C-alpha atoms as a PDB file:
ATOM      1  CA  MET A   1      -6.486 -28.895 -18.909  1.00  0.00           C
ATOM      2  CA  ASN A   2      -7.634 -26.361 -16.393  1.00  0.00           C
ATOM      3  CA  THR A   3     -10.928 -24.539 -16.980  1.00  0.00           C
ATOM      4  CA  THR A   4     -10.280 -20.805 -17.099  1.00  0.00           C
ATOM      5  CA  SER A   5     -12.240 -18.627 -14.694  1.00  0.00           C
ATOM      6  CA  SER A   6     -13.864 -15.466 -15.997  1.00  0.00           C
ATOM      7  CA  SER A   7     -11.936 -13.587 -13.301  1.00  0.00           C
ATOM      8  CA  ASN A   8      -8.574 -12.096 -14.226  1.00  0.00           C
ATOM      9  CA  ARG A   9      -7.615 -11.804 -10.586  1.00  0.00           C
ATOM     10  CA  ARG A  10      -4.494 -13.588  -9.405  1.00  0.00           C
ATOM     11  CA  ALA A  11      -3.850 -15.334  -6.114  1.00  0.00           C
ATOM     12  CA  LEU A  12      -0.545 -16.313  -4.595  1.00  0.00           C
ATOM     13  CA  VAL A  13      -0.665 -19.128  -2.010  1.00  0.00           C
ATOM     14  CA  LEU A  14       2.290 -19.512   0.375  1.00  0.00           C
ATOM     15  CA  ALA A  15       2.270 -22.764   2.378  1.00  0.00           C
ATOM     16  CA  GLY A  16       4.128 -23.413   5.576  1.00  0.00           C
ATOM     17  CA  ALA A  17       7.283 -25.527   6.147  1.00  0.00           C
ATOM     18  CA  GLY A  18       9.323 -24.078   8.965  1.00  0.00           C
ATOM     19  CA  SER A  19      12.401 -21.881   8.660  1.00  0.00           C
ATOM     20  CA  SER A  20      13.764 -23.624   5.590  1.00  0.00           C
ATOM     21  CA  GLY A  21      10.380 -23.320   3.830  1.00  0.00           C
ATOM     22  CA  ASN A  22      10.361 -19.601   4.538  1.00  0.00           C
ATOM     23  CA  ALA A  23      13.822 -19.279   3.004  1.00  0.00           C
ATOM     24  CA  TRP A  24      12.919 -21.379  -0.084  1.00  0.00           C
ATOM     25  CA  GLU A  25       9.826 -19.279  -0.733  1.00  0.00           C
ATOM     26  CA  ILE A  26      11.686 -16.005  -0.428  1.00  0.00           C
ATOM     27  CA  GLY A  27      14.435 -17.331  -2.750  1.00  0.00           C
ATOM     28  CA  LEU A  28      11.904 -18.660  -5.262  1.00  0.00           C
ATOM     29  CA  ILE A  29       9.969 -15.337  -5.384  1.00  0.00           C
ATOM     30  CA  ALA A  30      13.237 -13.450  -5.763  1.00  0.00           C
ATOM     31  CA  GLY A  31      14.366 -15.765  -8.589  1.00  0.00           C
ATOM     32  CA  LEU A  32      11.008 -15.403 -10.379  1.00  0.00           C
ATOM     33  CA  PHE A  33      11.274 -11.613 -10.101  1.00  0.00           C
ATOM     34  CA  ASP A  34      14.785 -11.625 -11.575  1.00  0.00           C
ATOM     35  CA  GLY A  35      13.395 -13.857 -14.338  1.00  0.00           C
ATOM     36  CA  GLY A  36      10.733 -11.306 -15.177  1.00  0.00           C
ATOM     37  CA  VAL A  37       7.757 -12.633 -13.136  1.00  0.00           C
ATOM     38  CA  ASP A  38       6.617 -10.503 -10.189  1.00  0.00           C
ATOM     39  CA  VAL A  39       4.255 -12.641  -8.132  1.00  0.00           C
ATOM     40  CA  THR A  40       4.159 -10.037  -5.333  1.00  0.00           C
ATOM     41  CA  GLU A  41       1.630  -8.145  -7.456  1.00  0.00           C
ATOM     42  CA  ALA A  42      -1.046 -10.781  -6.800  1.00  0.00           C
ATOM     43  CA  ASP A  43      -4.539  -9.502  -6.031  1.00  0.00           C
ATOM     44  CA  VAL A  44      -4.520 -11.569  -2.884  1.00  0.00           C
ATOM     45  CA  ILE A  45      -1.718 -13.360  -0.993  1.00  0.00           C
ATOM     46  CA  ILE A  46      -2.700 -16.258   1.278  1.00  0.00           C
ATOM     47  CA  GLY A  47      -0.149 -17.180   3.961  1.00  0.00           C
ATOM     48  CA  THR A  48      -0.059 -20.215   6.234  1.00  0.00           C
ATOM     49  CA  SER A  49       2.441 -20.698   9.080  1.00  0.00           C
ATOM     50  CA  ALA A  50       5.869 -19.930   7.652  1.00  0.00           C
ATOM     51  CA  GLY A  51       4.095 -18.737   4.530  1.00  0.00           C
ATOM     52  CA  SER A  52       2.317 -16.081   6.588  1.00  0.00           C
ATOM     53  CA  THR A  53       5.709 -14.639   7.469  1.00  0.00           C
ATOM     54  CA  VAL A  54       6.652 -14.579   3.809  1.00  0.00           C
ATOM     55  CA  ALA A  55       3.308 -12.899   2.960  1.00  0.00           C
ATOM     56  CA  ALA A  56       4.013 -10.122   5.443  1.00  0.00           C
ATOM     57  CA  GLN A  57       7.602  -9.762   4.267  1.00  0.00           C
ATOM     58  CA  ILE A  58       6.979  -9.484   0.502  1.00  0.00           C
ATOM     59  CA  THR A  59       4.090  -7.001   0.912  1.00  0.00           C
ATOM     60  CA  SER A  60       6.074  -4.712   3.180  1.00  0.00           C
ATOM     61  CA  GLY A  61       7.524  -2.628   0.330  1.00  0.00           C
ATOM     62  CA  THR A  62      11.009  -4.068   0.978  1.00  0.00           C
ATOM     63  CA  PRO A  63      12.888  -4.909  -2.221  1.00  0.00           C
ATOM     64  CA  LEU A  64      13.099  -8.683  -2.746  1.00  0.00           C
ATOM     65  CA  THR A  65      16.873  -8.551  -2.856  1.00  0.00           C
ATOM     66  CA  GLU A  66      16.857  -7.101   0.659  1.00  0.00           C
ATOM     67  CA  LEU A  67      14.823 -10.072   1.852  1.00  0.00           C
ATOM     68  CA  TYR A  68      16.787 -12.689  -0.061  1.00  0.00           C
ATOM     69  CA  ALA A  69      20.428 -11.587   0.333  1.00  0.00           C
ATOM     70  CA  PRO A  70      20.418 -11.539   4.214  1.00  0.00           C
ATOM     71  CA  ILE A  71      19.350 -15.193   4.295  1.00  0.00           C
ATOM     72  CA  LEU A  72      22.419 -16.128   2.289  1.00  0.00           C
ATOM     73  CA  ALA A  73      24.615 -14.314   4.839  1.00  0.00           C
ATOM     74  CA  GLU A  74      23.119 -16.096   7.814  1.00  0.00           C
ATOM     75  CA  THR A  75      25.529 -18.277   9.860  1.00  0.00           C
ATOM     76  CA  PRO A  76      23.138 -19.997  12.283  1.00  0.00           C
ATOM     77  CA  HIS A  77      24.202 -22.622  14.780  1.00  0.00           C
ATOM     78  CA  PRO A  78      22.638 -26.117  14.574  1.00  0.00           C
ATOM     79  CA  PRO A  79      19.418 -26.310  16.536  1.00  0.00           C
ATOM     80  CA  ALA A  80      19.705 -27.492  20.131  1.00  0.00           C
ATOM     81  CA  GLY A  81      16.080 -28.644  20.081  1.00  0.00           C
ATOM     82  CA  SER A  82      12.756 -28.070  18.425  1.00  0.00           C
ATOM     83  CA  ALA A  83      11.414 -24.602  17.789  1.00  0.00           C
ATOM     84  CA  GLU A  84       8.815 -25.110  20.431  1.00  0.00           C
ATOM     85  CA  SER A  85      11.290 -26.306  23.044  1.00  0.00           C
ATOM     86  CA  ARG A  86      13.320 -23.157  22.534  1.00  0.00           C
ATOM     87  CA  ARG A  87      10.254 -21.087  23.199  1.00  0.00           C
ATOM     88  CA  ARG A  88       9.362 -22.829  26.442  1.00  0.00           C
ATOM     89  CA  PRO A  89      10.978 -22.033  29.827  1.00  0.00           C
ATOM     90  CA  ALA A  90      13.587 -24.430  31.079  1.00  0.00           C
ATOM     91  CA  SER A  91      12.306 -27.259  33.308  1.00  0.00           C
ATOM     92  CA  ASN A  92      13.316 -30.693  34.484  1.00  0.00           C
ATOM     93  CA  VAL A  93      10.874 -32.275  32.094  1.00  0.00           C
ATOM     94  CA  PRO A  94      11.758 -31.793  28.404  1.00  0.00           C
ATOM     95  CA  PRO A  95       8.870 -30.994  26.063  1.00  0.00           C
ATOM     96  CA  PRO A  96       7.714 -33.755  23.726  1.00  0.00           C
ATOM     97  CA  ASN A  97       8.982 -33.938  20.178  1.00  0.00           C
ATOM     98  CA  TYR A  98       6.594 -31.842  18.079  1.00  0.00           C
ATOM     99  CA  MET A  99       6.178 -34.361  15.263  1.00  0.00           C
ATOM    100  CA  ASP A 100       5.571 -37.254  17.589  1.00  0.00           C
ATOM    101  CA  TRP A 101       3.140 -35.205  19.683  1.00  0.00           C
ATOM    102  CA  SER A 102       1.137 -33.971  16.749  1.00  0.00           C
ATOM    103  CA  ASN A 103       1.134 -37.319  14.875  1.00  0.00           C
ATOM    104  CA  ARG A 104      -0.410 -39.015  17.912  1.00  0.00           C
ATOM    105  CA  ILE A 105      -3.162 -36.422  17.988  1.00  0.00           C
ATOM    106  CA  ILE A 106      -3.787 -36.781  14.242  1.00  0.00           C
ATOM    107  CA  ALA A 107      -3.965 -40.572  14.582  1.00  0.00           C
ATOM    108  CA  SER A 108      -6.507 -40.308  17.367  1.00  0.00           C
ATOM    109  CA  ALA A 109      -8.929 -38.042  15.481  1.00  0.00           C
ATOM    110  CA  VAL A 110     -11.936 -39.221  13.469  1.00  0.00           C
ATOM    111  CA  ASP A 111     -12.017 -36.276  11.048  1.00  0.00           C
ATOM    112  CA  ALA A 112     -10.471 -32.832  10.420  1.00  0.00           C
ATOM    113  CA  SER A 113     -12.810 -30.997  12.818  1.00  0.00           C
ATOM    114  CA  ASP A 114     -12.078 -33.509  15.617  1.00  0.00           C
ATOM    115  CA  MET A 115      -8.355 -33.200  14.941  1.00  0.00           C
ATOM    116  CA  ARG A 116      -8.481 -29.370  15.264  1.00  0.00           C
ATOM    117  CA  ARG A 117     -10.362 -29.613  18.520  1.00  0.00           C
ATOM    118  CA  ARG A 118      -7.955 -32.229  19.941  1.00  0.00           C
ATOM    119  CA  MET A 119      -4.884 -30.301  18.722  1.00  0.00           C
ATOM    120  CA  GLY A 120      -6.134 -27.095  20.330  1.00  0.00           C
ATOM    121  CA  ALA A 121      -7.039 -28.789  23.602  1.00  0.00           C
ATOM    122  CA  ALA A 122      -3.637 -30.521  23.763  1.00  0.00           C
ATOM    123  CA  ALA A 123      -1.836 -27.242  23.142  1.00  0.00           C
ATOM    124  CA  LEU A 124      -3.840 -25.471  25.830  1.00  0.00           C
ATOM    125  CA  GLU A 125      -3.115 -28.291  28.271  1.00  0.00           C
ATOM    126  CA  MET A 126       0.614 -28.077  27.633  1.00  0.00           C
ATOM    127  CA  ASP A 127       0.886 -24.306  28.005  1.00  0.00           C
ATOM    128  CA  GLU A 128       1.910 -23.463  31.552  1.00  0.00           C
ATOM    129  CA  SER A 129       3.664 -20.176  30.746  1.00  0.00           C
ATOM    130  CA  ASN A 130       0.792 -17.838  31.816  1.00  0.00           C
ATOM    131  CA  GLY A 131       1.294 -15.853  28.652  1.00  0.00           C
ATOM    132  CA  ALA A 132       5.073 -15.534  28.853  1.00  0.00           C
ATOM    133  CA  ASN A 133       5.598 -17.679  25.754  1.00  0.00           C
ATOM    134  CA  GLY A 134       3.296 -15.400  23.728  1.00  0.00           C
ATOM    135  CA  VAL A 135       5.238 -12.303  24.697  1.00  0.00           C
ATOM    136  CA  ARG A 136       8.510 -13.910  23.639  1.00  0.00           C
ATOM    137  CA  TRP A 137       7.026 -15.322  20.433  1.00  0.00           C
ATOM    138  CA  ARG A 138       5.531 -11.957  19.453  1.00  0.00           C
ATOM    139  CA  SER A 139       8.973 -10.366  19.829  1.00  0.00           C
ATOM    140  CA  VAL A 140      10.539 -13.080  17.661  1.00  0.00           C
ATOM    141  CA  VAL A 141       7.869 -12.661  14.960  1.00  0.00           C
ATOM    142  CA  ALA A 142       8.080  -8.823  15.026  1.00  0.00           C
ATOM    143  CA  SER A 143      11.859  -8.992  14.490  1.00  0.00           C
ATOM    144  CA  ARG A 144      11.257 -10.867  11.208  1.00  0.00           C
ATOM    145  CA  LEU A 145       8.816  -8.417   9.690  1.00  0.00           C
ATOM    146  CA  PRO A 146      10.121  -5.368   7.869  1.00  0.00           C
ATOM    147  CA  SER A 147       6.776  -3.617   8.568  1.00  0.00           C
ATOM    148  CA  GLN A 148       4.284  -4.366  11.340  1.00  0.00           C
ATOM    149  CA  HIS A 149       1.362  -2.726   9.472  1.00  0.00           C
ATOM    150  CA  TRP A 150      -1.096  -4.525   7.250  1.00  0.00           C
ATOM    151  CA  PRO A 151      -0.386  -3.683   3.577  1.00  0.00           C
ATOM    152  CA  ALA A 152      -2.980  -2.044   1.308  1.00  0.00           C
ATOM    153  CA  GLN A 153      -2.796  -5.235  -0.749  1.00  0.00           C
ATOM    154  CA  ALA A 154      -5.154  -8.053   0.274  1.00  0.00           C
ATOM    155  CA  VAL A 155      -3.407 -10.561   2.533  1.00  0.00           C
ATOM    156  CA  LEU A 156      -5.137 -13.511   4.263  1.00  0.00           C
ATOM    157  CA  ILE A 157      -3.445 -15.290   7.180  1.00  0.00           C
ATOM    158  CA  THR A 158      -4.793 -18.520   8.550  1.00  0.00           C
ATOM    159  CA  ALA A 159      -4.975 -19.908  12.132  1.00  0.00           C
ATOM    160  CA  VAL A 160      -7.185 -22.182  14.238  1.00  0.00           C
ATOM    161  CA  ASN A 161      -8.980 -21.210  17.431  1.00  0.00           C
ATOM    162  CA  ALA A 162      -7.393 -23.458  20.090  1.00  0.00           C
ATOM    163  CA  ARG A 163     -10.493 -23.442  22.369  1.00  0.00           C
ATOM    164  CA  THR A 164     -13.087 -24.229  19.699  1.00  0.00           C
ATOM    165  CA  GLY A 165     -11.122 -25.847  16.904  1.00  0.00           C
ATOM    166  CA  GLU A 166     -12.723 -23.457  14.429  1.00  0.00           C
ATOM    167  CA  PRO A 167     -10.619 -22.246  11.479  1.00  0.00           C
ATOM    168  CA  VAL A 168      -9.883 -18.526  11.396  1.00  0.00           C
ATOM    169  CA  VAL A 169      -8.732 -16.257   8.551  1.00  0.00           C
ATOM    170  CA  PHE A 170      -7.226 -12.903   9.531  1.00  0.00           C
ATOM    171  CA  ASP A 171      -6.988  -9.851   7.264  1.00  0.00           C
ATOM    172  CA  SER A 172      -6.627  -6.126   7.638  1.00  0.00           C
ATOM    173  CA  SER A 173     -10.273  -5.806   8.688  1.00  0.00           C
ATOM    174  CA  SER A 174      -9.972  -8.313  11.587  1.00  0.00           C
ATOM    175  CA  GLY A 175      -9.020  -5.623  14.088  1.00  0.00           C
ATOM    176  CA  ILE A 176      -5.734  -7.206  15.174  1.00  0.00           C
ATOM    177  CA  ASP A 177      -2.105  -6.341  14.455  1.00  0.00           C
ATOM    178  CA  LEU A 178      -0.330  -7.981  11.551  1.00  0.00           C
ATOM    179  CA  VAL A 179       2.336  -9.270  13.975  1.00  0.00           C
ATOM    180  CA  ASP A 180      -0.334 -10.979  16.057  1.00  0.00           C
ATOM    181  CA  ALA A 181      -1.900 -12.617  12.974  1.00  0.00           C
ATOM    182  CA  VAL A 182       1.477 -14.031  11.864  1.00  0.00           C
ATOM    183  CA  ALA A 183       2.358 -15.122  15.428  1.00  0.00           C
ATOM    184  CA  ALA A 184      -0.934 -17.029  15.651  1.00  0.00           C
ATOM    185  CA  SER A 185      -0.493 -18.672  12.243  1.00  0.00           C
ATOM    186  CA  THR A 186       3.041 -19.789  13.127  1.00  0.00           C
ATOM    187  CA  SER A 187       2.215 -21.080  16.596  1.00  0.00           C
ATOM    188  CA  SER A 188       1.817 -24.785  17.267  1.00  0.00           C
ATOM    189  CA  MET A 189       2.426 -26.549  20.595  1.00  0.00           C
ATOM    190  CA  ALA A 190       2.238 -23.243  22.476  1.00  0.00           C
ATOM    191  CA  PRO A 191      -1.102 -21.501  21.706  1.00  0.00           C
ATOM    192  CA  TYR A 192      -0.864 -17.796  20.951  1.00  0.00           C
ATOM    193  CA  SER A 193      -3.137 -15.343  22.758  1.00  0.00           C
ATOM    194  CA  ILE A 194      -4.933 -12.431  21.062  1.00  0.00           C
ATOM    195  CA  GLY A 195      -7.237 -10.792  23.516  1.00  0.00           C
ATOM    196  CA  GLU A 196      -9.345 -13.548  25.159  1.00  0.00           C
ATOM    197  CA  ASN A 197      -8.733 -16.005  22.352  1.00  0.00           C
ATOM    198  CA  ARG A 198      -5.939 -18.556  21.850  1.00  0.00           C
ATOM    199  CA  TYR A 199      -4.716 -19.788  18.470  1.00  0.00           C
ATOM    200  CA  ILE A 200      -2.600 -22.510  16.934  1.00  0.00           C
ATOM    201  CA  ASN A 201      -0.940 -23.044  13.560  1.00  0.00           C
ATOM    202  CA  GLY A 202      -2.893 -22.195  10.419  1.00  0.00           C
ATOM    203  CA  GLY A 203      -1.765 -25.420   8.756  1.00  0.00           C
ATOM    204  CA  TYR A 204      -4.353 -27.272  10.817  1.00  0.00           C
ATOM    205  CA  ARG A 205      -7.072 -25.424   8.927  1.00  0.00           C
ATOM    206  CA  ARG A 206      -5.960 -27.064   5.725  1.00  0.00           C
ATOM    207  CA  SER A 207      -2.457 -27.913   4.553  1.00  0.00           C
ATOM    208  CA  GLU A 208      -1.910 -25.070   2.082  1.00  0.00           C
ATOM    209  CA  ASN A 209      -5.287 -23.286   2.402  1.00  0.00           C
ATOM    210  CA  ALA A 210      -5.317 -22.825  -1.348  1.00  0.00           C
ATOM    211  CA  ASP A 211      -9.112 -23.188  -1.217  1.00  0.00           C
ATOM    212  CA  LEU A 212      -9.251 -19.563   0.047  1.00  0.00           C
ATOM    213  CA  ALA A 213      -8.339 -18.512  -3.510  1.00  0.00           C
ATOM    214  CA  ALA A 214     -11.714 -19.686  -4.859  1.00  0.00           C
ATOM    215  CA  GLY A 215     -13.066 -17.266  -7.427  1.00  0.00           C
ATOM    216  CA  TYR A 216      -9.640 -16.110  -8.603  1.00  0.00           C
ATOM    217  CA  GLY A 217      -8.801 -16.792 -12.241  1.00  0.00           C
ATOM    218  CA  ARG A 218      -5.192 -17.759 -11.710  1.00  0.00           C
ATOM    219  CA  VAL A 219      -3.834 -19.353  -8.554  1.00  0.00           C
ATOM    220  CA  LEU A 220      -0.119 -20.017  -7.941  1.00  0.00           C
ATOM    221  CA  VAL A 221       0.693 -22.274  -5.030  1.00  0.00           C
ATOM    222  CA  LEU A 222       4.143 -22.545  -3.505  1.00  0.00           C
ATOM    223  CA  SER A 223       4.334 -25.708  -1.385  1.00  0.00           C
ATOM    224  CA  PRO A 224       7.736 -26.500   0.219  1.00  0.00           C
ATOM    225  CA  PHE A 225       6.352 -29.858   1.388  1.00  0.00           C
ATOM    226  CA  GLY A 226       5.532 -30.759  -2.211  1.00  0.00           C
ATOM    227  CA  GLY A 227       1.827 -31.041  -1.561  1.00  0.00           C
ATOM    228  CA  ARG A 228       2.317 -33.811   1.012  1.00  0.00           C
ATOM    229  CA  THR A 229       0.117 -34.024   4.083  1.00  0.00           C
ATOM    230  CA  ARG A 230       0.215 -35.923   7.369  1.00  0.00           C
ATOM    231  CA  MET A 231      -3.582 -36.035   7.444  1.00  0.00           C
ATOM    232  CA  PRO A 232      -5.651 -38.974   6.092  1.00  0.00           C
ATOM    233  CA  LEU A 233      -6.503 -38.316   2.470  1.00  0.00           C
ATOM    234  CA  GLU A 234     -10.217 -38.933   3.105  1.00  0.00           C
ATOM    235  CA  TRP A 235     -10.244 -35.745   5.194  1.00  0.00           C
ATOM    236  CA  GLY A 236      -9.597 -33.719   2.016  1.00  0.00           C
ATOM    237  CA  MET A 237      -7.001 -31.455   3.592  1.00  0.00           C
ATOM    238  CA  ASP A 238      -4.292 -32.269   1.012  1.00  0.00           C
ATOM    239  CA  LEU A 239      -3.265 -29.951  -1.760  1.00  0.00           C
ATOM    240  CA  ALA A 240      -4.586 -32.197  -4.541  1.00  0.00           C
ATOM    241  CA  ALA A 241      -8.065 -31.934  -3.136  1.00  0.00           C
ATOM    242  CA  GLN A 242      -7.780 -28.198  -2.929  1.00  0.00           C
ATOM    243  CA  VAL A 243      -6.541 -27.901  -6.486  1.00  0.00           C
ATOM    244  CA  HIS A 244      -9.412 -30.072  -7.689  1.00  0.00           C
ATOM    245  CA  GLU A 245     -11.898 -27.754  -5.938  1.00  0.00           C
ATOM    246  CA  LEU A 246     -10.322 -24.667  -7.431  1.00  0.00           C
ATOM    247  CA  GLN A 247     -10.338 -26.120 -10.936  1.00  0.00           C
ATOM    248  CA  ALA A 248     -13.940 -27.226 -10.557  1.00  0.00           C
ATOM    249  CA  GLY A 249     -14.756 -23.584  -9.717  1.00  0.00           C
ATOM    250  CA  GLY A 250     -13.047 -22.357 -12.888  1.00  0.00           C
ATOM    251  CA  SER A 251      -9.611 -21.347 -11.575  1.00  0.00           C
ATOM    252  CA  ALA A 252      -6.414 -22.147 -13.484  1.00  0.00           C
ATOM    253  CA  VAL A 253      -3.883 -23.497 -10.949  1.00  0.00           C
ATOM    254  CA  GLU A 254      -0.130 -23.884 -11.011  1.00  0.00           C
ATOM    255  CA  THR A 255       1.760 -25.539  -8.185  1.00  0.00           C
ATOM    256  CA  VAL A 256       5.508 -25.249  -7.499  1.00  0.00           C
ATOM    257  CA  PHE A 257       7.349 -27.772  -5.365  1.00  0.00           C
ATOM    258  CA  PRO A 258      11.034 -27.879  -4.470  1.00  0.00           C
ATOM    259  CA  ASP A 259      13.332 -29.640  -6.890  1.00  0.00           C
ATOM    260  CA  SER A 260      14.201 -33.184  -5.903  1.00  0.00           C
ATOM    261  CA  ASP A 261      17.755 -32.091  -4.932  1.00  0.00           C
ATOM    262  CA  ALA A 262      16.246 -29.753  -2.271  1.00  0.00           C
ATOM    263  CA  GLU A 263      13.700 -32.124  -0.749  1.00  0.00           C
ATOM    264  CA  HIS A 264      15.955 -33.054   2.191  1.00  0.00           C
ATOM    265  CA  MET A 265      15.687 -29.470   3.477  1.00  0.00           C
ATOM    266  CA  PHE A 266      12.038 -29.902   4.423  1.00  0.00           C
ATOM    267  CA  GLY A 267      10.009 -32.497   6.269  1.00  0.00           C
ATOM    268  CA  ALA A 268      11.726 -33.333   9.567  1.00  0.00           C
ATOM    269  CA  ASN A 269      14.520 -30.874   8.768  1.00  0.00           C
ATOM    270  CA  ALA A 270      12.281 -27.875   8.171  1.00  0.00           C
ATOM    271  CA  MET A 271      13.172 -26.175  11.457  1.00  0.00           C
ATOM    272  CA  ASP A 272      16.932 -26.564  11.048  1.00  0.00           C
ATOM    273  CA  PRO A 273      18.214 -22.949  10.668  1.00  0.00           C
ATOM    274  CA  THR A 274      21.465 -24.163   9.092  1.00  0.00           C
ATOM    275  CA  LEU A 275      19.426 -25.105   6.022  1.00  0.00           C
ATOM    276  CA  ARG A 276      18.086 -21.611   5.382  1.00  0.00           C
ATOM    277  CA  PRO A 277      20.898 -20.345   3.151  1.00  0.00           C
ATOM    278  CA  PRO A 278      20.958 -23.445   0.874  1.00  0.00           C
ATOM    279  CA  ALA A 279      17.140 -23.519   0.774  1.00  0.00           C
ATOM    280  CA  ALA A 280      17.069 -19.852  -0.278  1.00  0.00           C
ATOM    281  CA  ARG A 281      19.688 -20.522  -3.001  1.00  0.00           C
ATOM    282  CA  ALA A 282      17.777 -23.571  -4.255  1.00  0.00           C
ATOM    283  CA  GLY A 283      14.592 -21.572  -4.403  1.00  0.00           C
ATOM    284  CA  TYR A 284      16.227 -18.716  -6.250  1.00  0.00           C
ATOM    285  CA  GLU A 285      17.762 -20.920  -8.891  1.00  0.00           C
ATOM    286  CA  GLN A 286      14.475 -22.781  -9.317  1.00  0.00           C
ATOM    287  CA  GLY A 287      12.560 -19.504  -9.623  1.00  0.00           C
ATOM    288  CA  LYS A 288      14.813 -18.243 -12.370  1.00  0.00           C
ATOM    289  CA  ALA A 289      14.583 -21.559 -14.184  1.00  0.00           C
ATOM    290  CA  ILE A 290      10.777 -21.681 -14.217  1.00  0.00           C
ATOM    291  CA  ALA A 291      10.131 -17.947 -14.779  1.00  0.00           C
ATOM    292  CA  GLY A 292       9.748 -18.407 -18.510  1.00  0.00           C
ATOM    293  CA  ARG A 293       7.161 -21.184 -18.059  1.00  0.00           C
ATOM    294  CA  LEU A 294       5.151 -19.203 -15.504  1.00  0.00           C
ATOM    295  CA  SER A 295       5.306 -15.958 -17.394  1.00  0.00           C
ATOM    296  CA  ALA A 296       2.392 -16.739 -19.704  1.00  0.00           C
ATOM    297  CA  PHE A 297       0.341 -18.141 -16.881  1.00  0.00           C
ATOM    298  CA  TRP A 298       0.898 -15.211 -14.517  1.00  0.00           C
ATOM    299  CA  GLY A 299       0.712 -12.572 -17.197  1.00  0.00           C
END
């Protein structure tokens, strides 16, 4: 049984998982809302990678149905390549497969800090666009956000400094635009520039970054990857380790993973845009189904 913190504050943690993970989280939050549970009222919302986009979307003041319904109407074409390859200029040498590339770096690292440094260095070495990729990526991210202004509500968005390997957490006091924070958190093989700094995906800080909710009485974690991690467990980056830390600090924690029937939409398929409509529907139905159970927890 979870120890209950003296704090009544609530935290919503939105993990990353590509385009299908974004759709699943939006659908789940919409389903919970229609089931009587409004998690958008959290005292803090923590977004990582695709979850950072969701965090910006659901705090924009846009009704959830206006975020959910358009996903169902999408008719995307199957991907011609990875998300990163579509962001890079055409050349005679195709970019490496993202999963293969990142898995090799993870396997070569001795710990999480070393992995972040190696990942950042490799991303910097690969980027030959002279900033052109960042301009394009910022435009893509901006098109996905109903509002480009930080909300009054507390939102934390994670990233990693590509040059130093140091984890970074952006919020409204960071002095950067919301679009730039989300673009940095969702970047991976192509580092994203903000001023003189370069950033890569916030998932390299920690898988879900639920530890940032320390001190909150109730923490709800949405993890499209089901709490799985590609990192060695001894590094402590996995969700189970984060939940243990939160509970040891007095937080009550609930985690929500996709139903088994929806698991094929994530993992290696997470960037397939054709899976967004079914992922959103699966999330919505799951949200409605678990709303009653989460109602007492969320209050």
